Protein backbone atom coordinates (compact mmCIF):
# COMPACT_ATOMS: atom_id res chain seq x y z
CA MET A 1 8.99 -14.63 7.54
CA LYS A 2 9.14 -15.57 3.91
CA SER A 3 12.25 -14.63 1.95
CA GLN A 4 10.07 -12.87 -0.63
CA LEU A 5 9.47 -10.06 1.84
CA ILE A 6 12.74 -8.52 0.76
CA LYS A 7 12.17 -8.84 -3.00
CA ASP A 8 14.02 -6.01 -4.71
CA THR A 9 11.23 -4.03 -6.29
CA GLY A 10 9.74 -0.68 -5.43
CA PRO A 11 11.62 2.46 -4.47
CA GLU A 12 14.91 2.23 -2.60
CA LYS A 13 14.95 2.59 1.17
CA GLY A 14 15.79 6.20 1.95
CA GLU A 15 14.25 7.41 -1.32
CA GLU A 16 11.60 10.11 -1.12
CA ILE A 17 8.10 9.39 -2.39
CA LEU A 18 7.00 12.64 -3.95
CA THR A 19 3.60 13.99 -3.05
CA GLN A 20 1.34 13.27 -5.97
CA THR A 21 -2.34 13.64 -6.68
CA PHE A 22 -4.26 10.52 -7.63
CA ARG A 23 -7.88 9.90 -8.49
CA SER A 24 -9.85 7.72 -6.09
CA TYR A 25 -12.21 5.04 -7.35
CA ASP A 26 -15.13 7.40 -6.68
CA GLY A 27 -13.62 10.25 -8.71
CA ASN A 28 -12.17 12.42 -5.94
CA ASP A 29 -8.64 13.82 -6.09
CA ILE A 30 -6.41 12.35 -3.39
CA GLU A 31 -3.07 13.90 -2.54
CA LEU A 32 -0.64 11.69 -0.67
CA ASN A 33 -0.36 13.06 2.85
CA PHE A 34 2.27 11.44 4.99
CA ALA A 35 1.30 13.22 8.24
CA SER A 36 3.78 13.37 11.07
CA ASN A 37 3.94 9.64 11.70
CA GLY A 38 4.03 8.45 8.08
CA ALA A 39 1.88 6.33 5.82
CA THR A 40 1.52 2.89 4.32
CA LEU A 41 1.16 2.51 0.55
CA ILE A 42 -0.23 -0.88 -0.43
CA CYS A 43 -0.14 -2.02 -4.06
CA LEU A 44 -2.46 -4.90 -5.00
CA SER A 45 -3.87 -6.58 -8.06
CA LEU A 46 -7.29 -8.20 -8.07
CA TYR A 47 -5.79 -10.76 -10.46
CA CYS A 48 -3.29 -11.95 -7.82
CA SER A 49 -4.50 -14.64 -5.40
CA HIS A 50 -2.11 -13.50 -2.63
CA CYS A 51 -3.47 -9.95 -3.02
CA VAL A 52 -7.06 -11.11 -2.74
CA ASP A 53 -6.13 -13.11 0.38
CA LEU A 54 -4.65 -9.93 1.89
CA LEU A 55 -7.80 -7.82 1.41
CA PRO A 56 -9.48 -8.77 4.73
CA GLN A 57 -6.29 -7.96 6.63
CA ILE A 58 -5.80 -4.40 5.38
CA SER A 59 -7.96 -2.94 8.16
CA VAL A 60 -5.90 -4.91 10.70
CA ILE A 61 -2.70 -3.52 9.19
CA ARG A 62 -4.07 0.00 9.51
CA GLU A 63 -5.13 -0.52 13.12
CA GLN A 64 -1.83 -2.13 14.14
CA SER A 65 0.36 0.45 12.43
CA GLY A 66 -1.61 3.58 13.26
CA LEU A 67 -0.48 4.95 9.89
CA GLU A 68 -2.53 6.47 7.10
CA VAL A 69 -3.24 3.83 4.43
CA TYR A 70 -3.34 4.38 0.69
CA LEU A 71 -4.51 1.32 -1.22
CA PHE A 72 -3.50 1.26 -4.88
CA ILE A 73 -5.42 -1.45 -6.67
CA ASP A 74 -6.26 -2.45 -10.21
CA GLY A 75 -9.64 -3.69 -11.35
CA ASP A 76 -12.64 -1.60 -12.19
CA LYS A 77 -14.70 0.96 -10.34
CA GLU A 78 -17.49 -1.50 -9.54
CA ASP A 79 -15.01 -3.93 -7.92
CA LEU A 80 -13.63 -1.18 -5.72
CA VAL A 81 -17.07 0.06 -4.70
CA GLU A 82 -18.00 -3.48 -3.63
CA LEU A 83 -14.73 -4.00 -1.75
CA SER A 84 -14.97 -0.68 0.05
CA GLU A 85 -18.53 -1.36 1.14
CA TYR A 86 -17.94 -5.01 2.07
CA PHE A 87 -14.85 -4.33 4.20
CA GLN A 88 -16.15 -0.93 5.38
CA TRP A 89 -12.88 0.75 4.46
CA ASP A 90 -12.58 4.43 5.32
CA PHE A 91 -9.13 5.03 3.85
CA SER A 92 -8.03 6.12 0.38
CA LEU A 93 -8.73 3.57 -2.34
CA ILE A 94 -7.03 4.46 -5.61
CA LEU A 95 -7.66 2.73 -8.92
CA LEU A 96 -4.25 2.23 -10.55
CA SER A 97 -3.18 -0.22 -13.24
CA ILE A 98 -0.19 -2.50 -12.80
CA ASP A 99 1.72 -0.39 -15.33
CA GLN A 100 0.89 2.79 -13.41
CA MET A 101 2.06 1.19 -10.13
CA PHE A 102 5.37 0.47 -11.78
CA SER A 103 5.57 3.94 -13.29
CA CYS A 104 4.77 5.70 -9.99
CA PHE A 105 6.48 3.43 -7.45
CA GLN A 106 8.63 0.93 -9.41
CA VAL A 107 6.48 -1.89 -8.00
CA SER A 108 6.52 -5.01 -10.16
CA HIS A 109 5.50 -7.72 -7.65
CA HIS A 110 2.33 -7.92 -5.59
CA PRO A 111 1.09 -7.69 -2.87
CA PHE A 112 3.62 -4.97 -2.09
CA VAL A 113 3.79 -2.43 0.71
CA ILE A 114 5.84 0.74 1.08
CA VAL A 115 6.08 2.39 4.51
CA VAL A 116 7.16 6.03 4.57
CA ASP A 117 7.89 8.43 7.38
CA GLY A 118 6.29 11.86 7.81
CA TYR A 119 8.59 13.30 5.13
CA GLY A 120 7.72 10.66 2.53
CA ILE A 121 11.05 8.83 2.95
CA VAL A 122 10.85 5.06 2.39
CA LYS A 123 11.58 3.31 5.70
CA SER A 124 10.63 -0.24 4.75
CA LYS A 125 9.17 -2.07 1.78
CA GLY A 126 8.41 -5.57 0.70
CA ILE A 127 5.98 -8.23 -0.33
CA ILE A 128 3.56 -9.19 2.43
CA TYR A 129 0.95 -11.92 2.66
CA ASN A 130 -0.74 -11.02 5.95
CA ALA A 131 -0.76 -8.55 8.84
CA GLU A 132 1.97 -10.51 10.64
CA ASP A 133 4.30 -10.07 7.65
CA PHE A 134 3.57 -6.35 7.71
CA ILE A 135 4.52 -6.05 11.39
CA LYS A 136 7.75 -8.02 10.81
CA LEU A 137 8.58 -5.82 7.83
CA THR A 138 8.12 -2.61 9.79
CA GLN A 139 10.23 -3.96 12.65
CA MET A 140 13.16 -4.40 10.25
CA THR A 141 13.51 -0.62 10.10
CA GLU A 142 12.30 2.01 12.48
CA VAL A 143 9.19 3.62 10.99
CA VAL A 144 8.91 6.80 13.08
């Protein structure tokens, strides 16, 4: 596992992610819902090569984790429509600028993931480059 997985950005472990309402790329309001088993918040930039490389693995991450996925991504609406259709994503895709990602989640490096429990408490966080990194990251701290 790369040492960058523990880069100190994002909310602190143990910190609560407050339920917020965001606007999806298709104009719908999305409220973060952490369900009983938690959720995965993924912050990406389409201007980051590592983020683009991670795109095909997001569905794998969702399947392996069994957690709700919220993908926060910059770009424009047309990019997100194409990505959603191409990868056949059926999870929340939220258009958010890099500045907004920092403002909402203190995320300054990408691709970044935040895993929360059912109460919205940060259990693990870090930079990931693939699904294997995600699994290693979640094994560092119990997610449930």
